[in-house]
Amino acid sequence: MALDLFVTMHVRDHDAARDWYARLLGADPTFVATPTESVWELAEHRWLVVEQVPEHAGHGVVTVFREDVDTFLATAADRGIGPDRREEYDGGVVRIVFRDPDGNEVGLSGALPS
């Protein structure tokens, strides 16, 4: 069975949010579905959607696991995006939390460097 995953972050201002997510992710949207909805393919069949729905803005939470946490952090910093907090868990896992302009939480997790 084929399966695609779409995660939607609701925002107040699509254009401002699109710019912030492009800097965080290091790429323009894969496609712009409507004037108020942009979509990034994070990996095959895994999509992040930013949609202007002001009444629901700021309540989203998503976590993405990556192998290259340190590299991602460095390149995001080069684009002017820094994390809001860092959490370390038993078992050697780190979670880095970013907040978009509306307060939606984008977490980046992976193994702590050895």
PDB file of N, CA and C in Angstrom:
ATOM      1  N   MET A   1       0.844  -1.179   0.000  1.00  0.00           N
ATOM      2  CA  MET A   1       0.000   0.000   0.000  1.00  0.00           C
ATOM      3  C   MET A   1       0.890   1.243   0.000  1.00  0.00           C
ATOM      4  N   ALA A   2       0.690   2.115  -0.952  1.00  0.00           N
ATOM      5  CA  ALA A   2       1.421   3.382  -0.996  1.00  0.00           C
ATOM      6  C   ALA A   2       0.859   4.316   0.066  1.00  0.00           C
ATOM      7  N   LEU A   3       1.747   5.095   0.664  1.00  0.00           N
ATOM      8  CA  LEU A   3       1.328   6.000   1.724  1.00  0.00           C
ATOM      9  C   LEU A   3       2.118   7.293   1.614  1.00  0.00           C
ATOM     10  N   ASP A   4       1.417   8.412   1.581  1.00  0.00           N
ATOM     11  CA  ASP A   4       2.035   9.733   1.630  1.00  0.00           C
ATOM     12  C   ASP A   4       1.612  10.384   2.938  1.00  0.00           C
ATOM     13  N   LEU A   5       2.502  11.179   3.521  1.00  0.00           N
ATOM     14  CA  LEU A   5       2.206  11.885   4.765  1.00  0.00           C
ATOM     15  C   LEU A   5       2.297  13.376   4.503  1.00  0.00           C
ATOM     16  N   PHE A   6       1.223  14.092   4.847  1.00  0.00           N
ATOM     17  CA  PHE A   6       1.193  15.543   4.756  1.00  0.00           C
ATOM     18  C   PHE A   6       0.994  16.099   6.157  1.00  0.00           C
ATOM     19  N   VAL A   7       1.876  17.006   6.572  1.00  0.00           N
ATOM     20  CA  VAL A   7       1.757  17.705   7.845  1.00  0.00           C
ATOM     21  C   VAL A   7       1.518  19.164   7.511  1.00  0.00           C
ATOM     22  N   THR A   8       0.483  19.755   8.116  1.00  0.00           N
ATOM     23  CA  THR A   8       0.147  21.138   7.801  1.00  0.00           C
ATOM     24  C   THR A   8       0.367  22.037   9.006  1.00  0.00           C
ATOM     25  N   MET A   9       1.073  23.126   8.780  1.00  0.00           N
ATOM     26  CA  MET A   9       1.278  24.155   9.786  1.00  0.00           C
ATOM     27  C   MET A   9       0.428  25.355   9.376  1.00  0.00           C
ATOM     28  N   HIS A  10      -0.508  25.730  10.237  1.00  0.00           N
ATOM     29  CA  HIS A  10      -1.355  26.885   9.957  1.00  0.00           C
ATOM     30  C   HIS A  10      -0.654  28.157  10.420  1.00  0.00           C
ATOM     31  N   VAL A  11      -0.734  29.178   9.590  1.00  0.00           N
ATOM     32  CA  VAL A  11      -0.048  30.444   9.854  1.00  0.00           C
ATOM     33  C   VAL A  11      -0.987  31.613   9.600  1.00  0.00           C
ATOM     34  N   ARG A  12      -0.621  32.766  10.144  1.00  0.00           N
ATOM     35  CA  ARG A  12      -1.410  33.988   9.924  1.00  0.00           C
ATOM     36  C   ARG A  12      -1.104  34.634   8.573  1.00  0.00           C
ATOM     37  N   ASP A  13       0.181  34.675   8.220  1.00  0.00           N
ATOM     38  CA  ASP A  13       0.637  35.361   7.006  1.00  0.00           C
ATOM     39  C   ASP A  13       1.442  34.363   6.172  1.00  0.00           C
ATOM     40  N   HIS A  14       0.843  33.889   5.110  1.00  0.00           N
ATOM     41  CA  HIS A  14       1.481  32.865   4.280  1.00  0.00           C
ATOM     42  C   HIS A  14       2.829  33.310   3.737  1.00  0.00           C
ATOM     43  N   ASP A  15       2.896  34.525   3.196  1.00  0.00           N
ATOM     44  CA  ASP A  15       4.137  34.962   2.558  1.00  0.00           C
ATOM     45  C   ASP A  15       5.286  35.038   3.555  1.00  0.00           C
ATOM     46  N   ALA A  16       5.051  35.595   4.744  1.00  0.00           N
ATOM     47  CA  ALA A  16       6.099  35.669   5.769  1.00  0.00           C
ATOM     48  C   ALA A  16       6.505  34.270   6.218  1.00  0.00           C
ATOM     49  N   ALA A  17       5.529  33.397   6.410  1.00  0.00           N
ATOM     50  CA  ALA A  17       5.831  32.033   6.838  1.00  0.00           C
ATOM     51  C   ALA A  17       6.577  31.268   5.748  1.00  0.00           C
ATOM     52  N   ARG A  18       6.168  31.428   4.505  1.00  0.00           N
ATOM     53  CA  ARG A  18       6.855  30.746   3.399  1.00  0.00           C
ATOM     54  C   ARG A  18       8.325  31.139   3.375  1.00  0.00           C
ATOM     55  N   ASP A  19       8.607  32.415   3.563  1.00  0.00           N
ATOM     56  CA  ASP A  19       9.999  32.861   3.572  1.00  0.00           C
ATOM     57  C   ASP A  19      10.767  32.239   4.737  1.00  0.00           C
ATOM     58  N   TRP A  20      10.155  32.179   5.924  1.00  0.00           N
ATOM     59  CA  TRP A  20      10.818  31.604   7.099  1.00  0.00           C
ATOM     60  C   TRP A  20      11.089  30.117   6.877  1.00  0.00           C
ATOM     61  N   TYR A  21      10.109  29.366   6.386  1.00  0.00           N
ATOM     62  CA  TYR A  21      10.297  27.937   6.149  1.00  0.00           C
ATOM     63  C   TYR A  21      11.319  27.682   5.042  1.00  0.00           C
ATOM     64  N   ALA A  22      11.361  28.525   4.038  1.00  0.00           N
ATOM     65  CA  ALA A  22      12.375  28.378   2.985  1.00  0.00           C
ATOM     66  C   ALA A  22      13.770  28.559   3.566  1.00  0.00           C
ATOM     67  N   ARG A  23      13.927  29.514   4.492  1.00  0.00           N
ATOM     68  CA  ARG A  23      15.232  29.689   5.137  1.00  0.00           C
ATOM     69  C   ARG A  23      15.549  28.514   6.058  1.00  0.00           C
ATOM     70  N   LEU A  24      14.565  28.038   6.817  1.00  0.00           N
ATOM     71  CA  LEU A  24      14.796  26.892   7.693  1.00  0.00           C
ATOM     72  C   LEU A  24      15.179  25.655   6.887  1.00  0.00           C
ATOM     73  N   LEU A  25      14.438  25.385   5.836  1.00  0.00           N
ATOM     74  CA  LEU A  25      14.634  24.157   5.071  1.00  0.00           C
ATOM     75  C   LEU A  25      15.699  24.281   3.990  1.00  0.00           C
ATOM     76  N   GLY A  26      16.110  25.500   3.689  1.00  0.00           N
ATOM     77  CA  GLY A  26      17.156  25.698   2.697  1.00  0.00           C
ATOM     78  C   GLY A  26      16.690  25.508   1.268  1.00  0.00           C
ATOM     79  N   ALA A  27      15.381  25.649   1.039  1.00  0.00           N
ATOM     80  CA  ALA A  27      14.855  25.469  -0.316  1.00  0.00           C
ATOM     81  C   ALA A  27      13.517  26.180  -0.444  1.00  0.00           C
ATOM     82  N   ASP A  28      13.226  26.620  -1.653  1.00  0.00           N
ATOM     83  CA  ASP A  28      11.900  27.146  -1.935  1.00  0.00           C
ATOM     84  C   ASP A  28      10.904  25.992  -1.882  1.00  0.00           C
ATOM     85  N   PRO A  29       9.625  26.295  -1.769  1.00  0.00           N
ATOM     86  CA  PRO A  29       8.636  25.212  -1.755  1.00  0.00           C
ATOM     87  C   PRO A  29       8.755  24.335  -3.003  1.00  0.00           C
ATOM     88  N   THR A  30       8.434  23.073  -2.842  1.00  0.00           N
ATOM     89  CA  THR A  30       8.396  22.159  -3.981  1.00  0.00           C
ATOM     90  C   THR A  30       7.333  22.625  -4.964  1.00  0.00           C
ATOM     91  N   PHE A  31       6.210  23.063  -4.402  1.00  0.00           N
ATOM     92  CA  PHE A  31       5.190  23.697  -5.230  1.00  0.00           C
ATOM     93  C   PHE A  31       4.311  24.585  -4.354  1.00  0.00           C
ATOM     94  N   VAL A  32       3.691  25.567  -4.997  1.00  0.00           N
ATOM     95  CA  VAL A  32       2.744  26.457  -4.332  1.00  0.00           C
ATOM     96  C   VAL A  32       1.361  26.024  -4.818  1.00  0.00           C
ATOM     97  N   ALA A  33       0.591  25.444  -3.892  1.00  0.00           N
ATOM     98  CA  ALA A  33      -0.708  24.880  -4.257  1.00  0.00           C
ATOM     99  C   ALA A  33      -1.735  25.960  -4.558  1.00  0.00           C
ATOM    100  N   THR A  34      -1.737  27.014  -3.733  1.00  0.00           N
ATOM    101  CA  THR A  34      -2.640  28.149  -3.907  1.00  0.00           C
ATOM    102  C   THR A  34      -1.878  29.386  -3.447  1.00  0.00           C
ATOM    103  N   PRO A  35      -2.419  30.577  -3.621  1.00  0.00           N
ATOM    104  CA  PRO A  35      -1.722  31.770  -3.131  1.00  0.00           C
ATOM    105  C   PRO A  35      -1.520  31.782  -1.609  1.00  0.00           C
ATOM    106  N   THR A  36      -2.189  30.905  -0.873  1.00  0.00           N
ATOM    107  CA  THR A  36      -2.043  30.874   0.584  1.00  0.00           C
ATOM    108  C   THR A  36      -1.610  29.505   1.097  1.00  0.00           C
ATOM    109  N   GLU A  37      -1.016  28.681   0.211  1.00  0.00           N
ATOM    110  CA  GLU A  37      -0.585  27.342   0.626  1.00  0.00           C
ATOM    111  C   GLU A  37       0.650  26.909  -0.164  1.00  0.00           C
ATOM    112  N   SER A  38       1.744  26.649   0.572  1.00  0.00           N
ATOM    113  CA  SER A  38       2.991  26.179  -0.035  1.00  0.00           C
ATOM    114  C   SER A  38       3.337  24.808   0.525  1.00  0.00           C
ATOM    115  N   VAL A  39       4.018  23.990  -0.297  1.00  0.00           N
ATOM    116  CA  VAL A  39       4.291  22.607   0.062  1.00  0.00           C
ATOM    117  C   VAL A  39       5.750  22.266  -0.221  1.00  0.00           C
ATOM    118  N   TRP A  40       6.411  21.660   0.771  1.00  0.00           N
ATOM    119  CA  TRP A  40       7.778  21.165   0.628  1.00  0.00           C
ATOM    120  C   TRP A  40       7.772  19.649   0.734  1.00  0.00           C
ATOM    121  N   GLU A  41       8.466  18.973  -0.157  1.00  0.00           N
ATOM    122  CA  GLU A  41       8.660  17.533  -0.001  1.00  0.00           C
ATOM    123  C   GLU A  41       9.953  17.347   0.790  1.00  0.00           C
ATOM    124  N   LEU A  42       9.826  16.878   2.032  1.00  0.00           N
ATOM    125  CA  LEU A  42      10.981  16.701   2.910  1.00  0.00           C
ATOM    126  C   LEU A  42      11.754  15.436   2.570  1.00  0.00           C
ATOM    127  N   ALA A  43      11.046  14.420   2.151  1.00  0.00           N
ATOM    128  CA  ALA A  43      11.606  13.148   1.706  1.00  0.00           C
ATOM    129  C   ALA A  43      10.515  12.504   0.858  1.00  0.00           C
ATOM    130  N   GLU A  44      10.839  11.448   0.175  1.00  0.00           N
ATOM    131  CA  GLU A  44       9.848  10.820  -0.684  1.00  0.00           C
ATOM    132  C   GLU A  44       8.573  10.489   0.106  1.00  0.00           C
ATOM    133  N   HIS A  45       7.471  10.999  -0.379  1.00  0.00           N
ATOM    134  CA  HIS A  45       6.145  10.755   0.213  1.00  0.00           C
ATOM    135  C   HIS A  45       5.947  11.415   1.573  1.00  0.00           C
ATOM    136  N   ARG A  46       6.778  12.395   1.924  1.00  0.00           N
ATOM    137  CA  ARG A  46       6.661  13.097   3.213  1.00  0.00           C
ATOM    138  C   ARG A  46       6.686  14.598   2.934  1.00  0.00           C
ATOM    139  N   TRP A  47       5.562  15.255   3.234  1.00  0.00           N
ATOM    140  CA  TRP A  47       5.348  16.637   2.823  1.00  0.00           C
ATOM    141  C   TRP A  47       5.062  17.530   4.012  1.00  0.00           C
ATOM    142  N   LEU A  48       5.584  18.753   3.961  1.00  0.00           N
ATOM    143  CA  LEU A  48       5.269  19.788   4.941  1.00  0.00           C
ATOM    144  C   LEU A  48       4.497  20.882   4.207  1.00  0.00           C
ATOM    145  N   VAL A  49       3.317  21.201   4.720  1.00  0.00           N
ATOM    146  CA  VAL A  49       2.445  22.193   4.114  1.00  0.00           C
ATOM    147  C   VAL A  49       2.364  23.399   5.042  1.00  0.00           C
ATOM    148  N   VAL A  50       2.483  24.583   4.487  1.00  0.00           N
ATOM    149  CA  VAL A  50       2.277  25.826   5.227  1.00  0.00           C
ATOM    150  C   VAL A  50       1.065  26.490   4.606  1.00  0.00           C
ATOM    151  N   GLU A  51       0.023  26.639   5.419  1.00  0.00           N
ATOM    152  CA  GLU A  51      -1.242  27.161   4.905  1.00  0.00           C
ATOM    153  C   GLU A  51      -1.744  28.310   5.772  1.00  0.00           C
ATOM    154  N   GLN A  52      -2.176  29.360   5.129  1.00  0.00           N
ATOM    155  CA  GLN A  52      -2.714  30.519   5.848  1.00  0.00           C
ATOM    156  C   GLN A  52      -4.118  30.212   6.350  1.00  0.00           C
ATOM    157  N   VAL A  53      -4.221  29.981   7.652  1.00  0.00           N
ATOM    158  CA  VAL A  53      -5.497  29.761   8.344  1.00  0.00           C
ATOM    159  C   VAL A  53      -5.346  30.471   9.688  1.00  0.00           C
ATOM    160  N   PRO A  54      -5.515  31.795   9.705  1.00  0.00           N
ATOM    161  CA  PRO A  54      -5.194  32.601  10.891  1.00  0.00           C
ATOM    162  C   PRO A  54      -5.831  32.128  12.189  1.00  0.00           C
ATOM    163  N   GLU A  55      -7.056  31.638  12.119  1.00  0.00           N
ATOM    164  CA  GLU A  55      -7.734  31.242  13.358  1.00  0.00           C
ATOM    165  C   GLU A  55      -7.121  30.000  14.008  1.00  0.00           C
ATOM    166  N   HIS A  56      -6.264  29.283  13.286  1.00  0.00           N
ATOM    167  CA  HIS A  56      -5.612  28.092  13.851  1.00  0.00           C
ATOM    168  C   HIS A  56      -4.091  28.254  13.952  1.00  0.00           C
ATOM    169  N   ALA A  57      -3.583  29.421  13.643  1.00  0.00           N
ATOM    170  CA  ALA A  57      -2.135  29.638  13.599  1.00  0.00           C
ATOM    171  C   ALA A  57      -1.489  29.457  14.966  1.00  0.00           C
ATOM    172  N   GLY A  58      -0.288  28.892  14.938  1.00  0.00           N
ATOM    173  CA  GLY A  58       0.533  28.819  16.137  1.00  0.00           C
ATOM    174  C   GLY A  58       0.333  27.608  17.018  1.00  0.00           C
ATOM    175  N   HIS A  59      -0.470  26.644  16.607  1.00  0.00           N
ATOM    176  CA  HIS A  59      -0.739  25.480  17.449  1.00  0.00           C
ATOM    177  C   HIS A  59      -0.108  24.200  16.908  1.00  0.00           C
ATOM    178  N   GLY A  60       0.661  24.291  15.834  1.00  0.00           N
ATOM    179  CA  GLY A  60       1.228  23.103  15.212  1.00  0.00           C
ATOM    180  C   GLY A  60       2.499  22.625  15.902  1.00  0.00           C
ATOM    181  N   VAL A  61       2.693  21.318  15.889  1.00  0.00           N
ATOM    182  CA  VAL A  61       3.910  20.689  16.402  1.00  0.00           C
ATOM    183  C   VAL A  61       4.266  19.549  15.460  1.00  0.00           C
ATOM    184  N   VAL A  62       5.488  19.546  14.985  1.00  0.00           N
ATOM    185  CA  VAL A  62       5.974  18.467  14.131  1.00  0.00           C
ATOM    186  C   VAL A  62       7.437  18.209  14.493  1.00  0.00           C
ATOM    187  N   THR A  63       7.849  16.964  14.427  1.00  0.00           N
ATOM    188  CA  THR A  63       9.252  16.602  14.648  1.00  0.00           C
ATOM    189  C   THR A  63       9.722  15.757  13.479  1.00  0.00           C
ATOM    190  N   VAL A  64      10.886  16.092  12.958  1.00  0.00           N
ATOM    191  CA  VAL A  64      11.489  15.386  11.842  1.00  0.00           C
ATOM    192  C   VAL A  64      12.804  14.777  12.327  1.00  0.00           C
ATOM    193  N   PHE A  65      13.005  13.492  12.071  1.00  0.00           N
ATOM    194  CA  PHE A  65      14.268  12.834  12.410  1.00  0.00           C
ATOM    195  C   PHE A  65      15.190  12.886  11.199  1.00  0.00           C
ATOM    196  N   ARG A  66      16.449  13.275  11.461  1.00  0.00           N
ATOM    197  CA  ARG A  66      17.463  13.377  10.407  1.00  0.00           C
ATOM    198  C   ARG A  66      18.756  12.751  10.892  1.00  0.00           C
ATOM    199  N   GLU A  67      19.583  12.316   9.957  1.00  0.00           N
ATOM    200  CA  GLU A  67      20.898  11.788  10.314  1.00  0.00           C
ATOM    201  C   GLU A  67      21.914  12.902  10.515  1.00  0.00           C
ATOM    202  N   ASP A  68      21.704  14.047   9.886  1.00  0.00           N
ATOM    203  CA  ASP A  68      22.704  15.107   9.832  1.00  0.00           C
ATOM    204  C   ASP A  68      22.293  16.333  10.647  1.00  0.00           C
ATOM    205  N   VAL A  69      21.971  16.134  11.911  1.00  0.00           N
ATOM    206  CA  VAL A  69      21.470  17.230  12.752  1.00  0.00           C
ATOM    207  C   VAL A  69      22.460  18.392  12.797  1.00  0.00           C
ATOM    208  N   ASP A  70      23.731  18.107  13.063  1.00  0.00           N
ATOM    209  CA  ASP A  70      24.721  19.186  13.178  1.00  0.00           C
ATOM    210  C   ASP A  70      24.883  19.963  11.877  1.00  0.00           C
ATOM    211  N   THR A  71      24.915  19.272  10.770  1.00  0.00           N
ATOM    212  CA  THR A  71      25.027  19.945   9.474  1.00  0.00           C
ATOM    213  C   THR A  71      23.803  20.805   9.211  1.00  0.00           C
ATOM    214  N   PHE A  72      22.607  20.269   9.506  1.00  0.00           N
ATOM    215  CA  PHE A  72      21.382  21.036   9.311  1.00  0.00           C
ATOM    216  C   PHE A  72      21.407  22.304  10.155  1.00  0.00           C
ATOM    217  N   LEU A  73      21.800  22.182  11.427  1.00  0.00           N
ATOM    218  CA  LEU A  73      21.856  23.356  12.313  1.00  0.00           C
ATOM    219  C   LEU A  73      22.810  24.416  11.781  1.00  0.00           C
ATOM    220  N   ALA A  74      23.960  23.981  11.312  1.00  0.00           N
ATOM    221  CA  ALA A  74      24.952  24.926  10.795  1.00  0.00           C
ATOM    222  C   ALA A  74      24.438  25.658   9.559  1.00  0.00           C
ATOM    223  N   THR A  75      23.811  24.931   8.650  1.00  0.00           N
ATOM    224  CA  THR A  75      23.331  25.594   7.433  1.00  0.00           C
ATOM    225  C   THR A  75      22.117  26.473   7.728  1.00  0.00           C
ATOM    226  N   ALA A  76      21.265  26.061   8.662  1.00  0.00           N
ATOM    227  CA  ALA A  76      20.139  26.925   9.052  1.00  0.00           C
ATOM    228  C   ALA A  76      20.666  28.218   9.675  1.00  0.00           C
ATOM    229  N   ALA A  77      21.691  28.109  10.520  1.00  0.00           N
ATOM    230  CA  ALA A  77      22.293  29.299  11.135  1.00  0.00           C
ATOM    231  C   ALA A  77      22.865  30.225  10.062  1.00  0.00           C
ATOM    232  N   ASP A  78      23.478  29.652   9.023  1.00  0.00           N
ATOM    233  CA  ASP A  78      24.001  30.466   7.925  1.00  0.00           C
ATOM    234  C   ASP A  78      22.887  31.235   7.212  1.00  0.00           C
ATOM    235  N   ARG A  79      21.666  30.707   7.273  1.00  0.00           N
ATOM    236  CA  ARG A  79      20.522  31.363   6.644  1.00  0.00           C
ATOM    237  C   ARG A  79      19.752  32.230   7.637  1.00  0.00           C
ATOM    238  N   GLY A  80      20.303  32.402   8.857  1.00  0.00           N
ATOM    239  CA  GLY A  80      19.701  33.297   9.837  1.00  0.00           C
ATOM    240  C   GLY A  80      18.621  32.674  10.698  1.00  0.00           C
ATOM    241  N   ILE A  81      18.545  31.347  10.741  1.00  0.00           N
ATOM    242  CA  ILE A  81      17.533  30.660  11.547  1.00  0.00           C
ATOM    243  C   ILE A  81      18.238  29.907  12.672  1.00  0.00           C
ATOM    244  N   GLY A  82      17.866  30.228  13.906  1.00  0.00           N
ATOM    245  CA  GLY A  82      18.443  29.549  15.066  1.00  0.00           C
ATOM    246  C   GLY A  82      17.373  28.849  15.876  1.00  0.00           C
ATOM    247  N   PRO A  83      17.776  27.832  16.621  1.00  0.00           N
ATOM    248  CA  PRO A  83      16.801  27.089  17.427  1.00  0.00           C
ATOM    249  C   PRO A  83      16.375  27.871  18.658  1.00  0.00           C
ATOM    250  N   ASP A  84      15.207  27.496  19.176  1.00  0.00           N
ATOM    251  CA  ASP A  84      14.697  28.091  20.409  1.00  0.00           C
ATOM    252  C   ASP A  84      15.114  27.306  21.640  1.00  0.00           C
ATOM    253  N   ARG A  85      15.307  25.992  21.482  1.00  0.00           N
ATOM    254  CA  ARG A  85      15.797  25.198  22.608  1.00  0.00           C
ATOM    255  C   ARG A  85      16.346  23.870  22.112  1.00  0.00           C
ATOM    256  N   ARG A  86      17.111  23.251  22.986  1.00  0.00           N
ATOM    257  CA  ARG A  86      17.732  21.956  22.702  1.00  0.00           C
ATOM    258  C   ARG A  86      17.406  21.023  23.860  1.00  0.00           C
ATOM    259  N   GLU A  87      16.997  19.808  23.539  1.00  0.00           N
ATOM    260  CA  GLU A  87      16.681  18.810  24.555  1.00  0.00           C
ATOM    261  C   GLU A  87      17.494  17.552  24.244  1.00  0.00           C
ATOM    262  N   GLU A  88      18.033  16.915  25.269  1.00  0.00           N
ATOM    263  CA  GLU A  88      18.735  15.648  25.088  1.00  0.00           C
ATOM    264  C   GLU A  88      18.027  14.586  25.905  1.00  0.00           C
ATOM    265  N   TYR A  89      17.869  13.405  25.299  1.00  0.00           N
ATOM    266  CA  TYR A  89      17.128  12.318  25.922  1.00  0.00           C
ATOM    267  C   TYR A  89      18.030  11.112  26.140  1.00  0.00           C
ATOM    268  N   ASP A  90      17.627  10.277  27.084  1.00  0.00           N
ATOM    269  CA  ASP A  90      18.326   9.009  27.283  1.00  0.00           C
ATOM    270  C   ASP A  90      18.334   8.253  25.956  1.00  0.00           C
ATOM    271  N   GLY A  91      19.368   7.478  25.767  1.00  0.00           N
ATOM    272  CA  GLY A  91      19.465   6.709  24.530  1.00  0.00           C
ATOM    273  C   GLY A  91      20.192   7.440  23.426  1.00  0.00           C
ATOM    274  N   GLY A  92      20.729   8.628  23.730  1.00  0.00           N
ATOM    275  CA  GLY A  92      21.534   9.341  22.740  1.00  0.00           C
ATOM    276  C   GLY A  92      20.761  10.080  21.675  1.00  0.00           C
ATOM    277  N   VAL A  93      19.593  10.608  22.019  1.00  0.00           N
ATOM    278  CA  VAL A  93      18.778  11.345  21.052  1.00  0.00           C
ATOM    279  C   VAL A  93      18.736  12.818  21.450  1.00  0.00           C
ATOM    280  N   VAL A  94      18.846  13.679  20.451  1.00  0.00           N
ATOM    281  CA  VAL A  94      18.736  15.121  20.654  1.00  0.00           C
ATOM    282  C   VAL A  94      17.511  15.622  19.907  1.00  0.00           C
ATOM    283  N   ARG A  95      16.874  16.637  20.458  1.00  0.00           N
ATOM    284  CA  ARG A  95      15.740  17.297  19.787  1.00  0.00           C
ATOM    285  C   ARG A  95      15.992  18.792  19.836  1.00  0.00           C
ATOM    286  N   ILE A  96      16.040  19.399  18.667  1.00  0.00           N
ATOM    287  CA  ILE A  96      16.250  20.828  18.522  1.00  0.00           C
ATOM    288  C   ILE A  96      14.915  21.432  18.108  1.00  0.00           C
ATOM    289  N   VAL A  97      14.467  22.467  18.824  1.00  0.00           N
ATOM    290  CA  VAL A  97      13.154  23.049  18.565  1.00  0.00           C
ATOM    291  C   VAL A  97      13.307  24.443  17.960  1.00  0.00           C
ATOM    292  N   PHE A  98      12.629  24.640  16.845  1.00  0.00           N
ATOM    293  CA  PHE A  98      12.511  25.935  16.190  1.00  0.00           C
ATOM    294  C   PHE A  98      11.051  26.362  16.308  1.00  0.00           C
ATOM    295  N   ARG A  99      10.809  27.666  16.365  1.00  0.00           N
ATOM    296  CA  ARG A  99       9.434  28.183  16.349  1.00  0.00           C
ATOM    297  C   ARG A  99       9.303  29.151  15.177  1.00  0.00           C
ATOM    298  N   ASP A 100       8.272  28.938  14.383  1.00  0.00           N
ATOM    299  CA  ASP A 100       8.051  29.841  13.258  1.00  0.00           C
ATOM    300  C   ASP A 100       7.465  31.161  13.776  1.00  0.00           C
ATOM    301  N   PRO A 101       7.263  32.152  12.920  1.00  0.00           N
ATOM    302  CA  PRO A 101       6.776  33.456  13.391  1.00  0.00           C
ATOM    303  C   PRO A 101       5.448  33.414  14.137  1.00  0.00           C
ATOM    304  N   ASP A 102       4.641  32.361  13.931  1.00  0.00           N
ATOM    305  CA  ASP A 102       3.359  32.239  14.624  1.00  0.00           C
ATOM    306  C   ASP A 102       3.438  31.385  15.877  1.00  0.00           C
ATOM    307  N   GLY A 103       4.594  30.786  16.134  1.00  0.00           N
ATOM    308  CA  GLY A 103       4.751  29.950  17.315  1.00  0.00           C
ATOM    309  C   GLY A 103       4.619  28.463  17.060  1.00  0.00           C
ATOM    310  N   ASN A 104       4.347  28.048  15.828  1.00  0.00           N
ATOM    311  CA  ASN A 104       4.333  26.624  15.515  1.00  0.00           C
ATOM    312  C   ASN A 104       5.706  26.038  15.822  1.00  0.00           C
ATOM    313  N   GLU A 105       5.720  24.834  16.348  1.00  0.00           N
ATOM    314  CA  GLU A 105       6.966  24.191  16.770  1.00  0.00           C
ATOM    315  C   GLU A 105       7.425  23.189  15.719  1.00  0.00           C
ATOM    316  N   VAL A 106       8.645  23.403  15.221  1.00  0.00           N
ATOM    317  CA  VAL A 106       9.266  22.482  14.283  1.00  0.00           C
ATOM    318  C   VAL A 106      10.462  21.881  15.003  1.00  0.00           C
ATOM    319  N   GLY A 107      10.367  20.591  15.295  1.00  0.00           N
ATOM    320  CA  GLY A 107      11.438  19.901  15.991  1.00  0.00           C
ATOM    321  C   GLY A 107      12.313  19.131  15.012  1.00  0.00           C
ATOM    322  N   LEU A 108      13.578  19.096  15.311  1.00  0.00           N
ATOM    323  CA  LEU A 108      14.554  18.353  14.531  1.00  0.00           C
ATOM    324  C   LEU A 108      15.227  17.385  15.498  1.00  0.00           C
ATOM    325  N   SER A 109      15.114  16.111  15.237  1.00  0.00           N
ATOM    326  CA  SER A 109      15.696  15.112  16.133  1.00  0.00           C
ATOM    327  C   SER A 109      16.636  14.203  15.380  1.00  0.00           C
ATOM    328  N   GLY A 110      17.529  13.588  16.148  1.00  0.00           N
ATOM    329  CA  GLY A 110      18.472  12.622  15.602  1.00  0.00           C
ATOM    330  C   GLY A 110      19.381  12.134  16.692  1.00  0.00           C
ATOM    331  N   ALA A 111      20.325  11.313  16.305  1.00  0.00           N
ATOM    332  CA  ALA A 111      21.276  10.772  17.269  1.00  0.00           C
ATOM    333  C   ALA A 111      22.278  11.839  17.662  1.00  0.00           C
ATOM    334  N   LEU A 112      22.629  11.841  18.973  1.00  0.00           N
ATOM    335  CA  LEU A 112      23.693  12.725  19.419  1.00  0.00           C
ATOM    336  C   LEU A 112      24.989  12.307  18.765  1.00  0.00           C
ATOM    337  N   PRO A 113      25.843  13.265  18.409  1.00  0.00           N
ATOM    338  CA  PRO A 113      27.131  12.890  17.824  1.00  0.00           C
ATOM    339  C   PRO A 113      27.903  12.006  18.795  1.00  0.00           C
ATOM    340  N   SER A 114      28.589  11.021  18.252  1.00  0.00           N
ATOM    341  CA  SER A 114      29.364  10.079  19.089  1.00  0.00           C
ATOM    342  C   SER A 114      30.610  10.722  19.636  1.00  0.00           C
TER     343      SER A 114
END
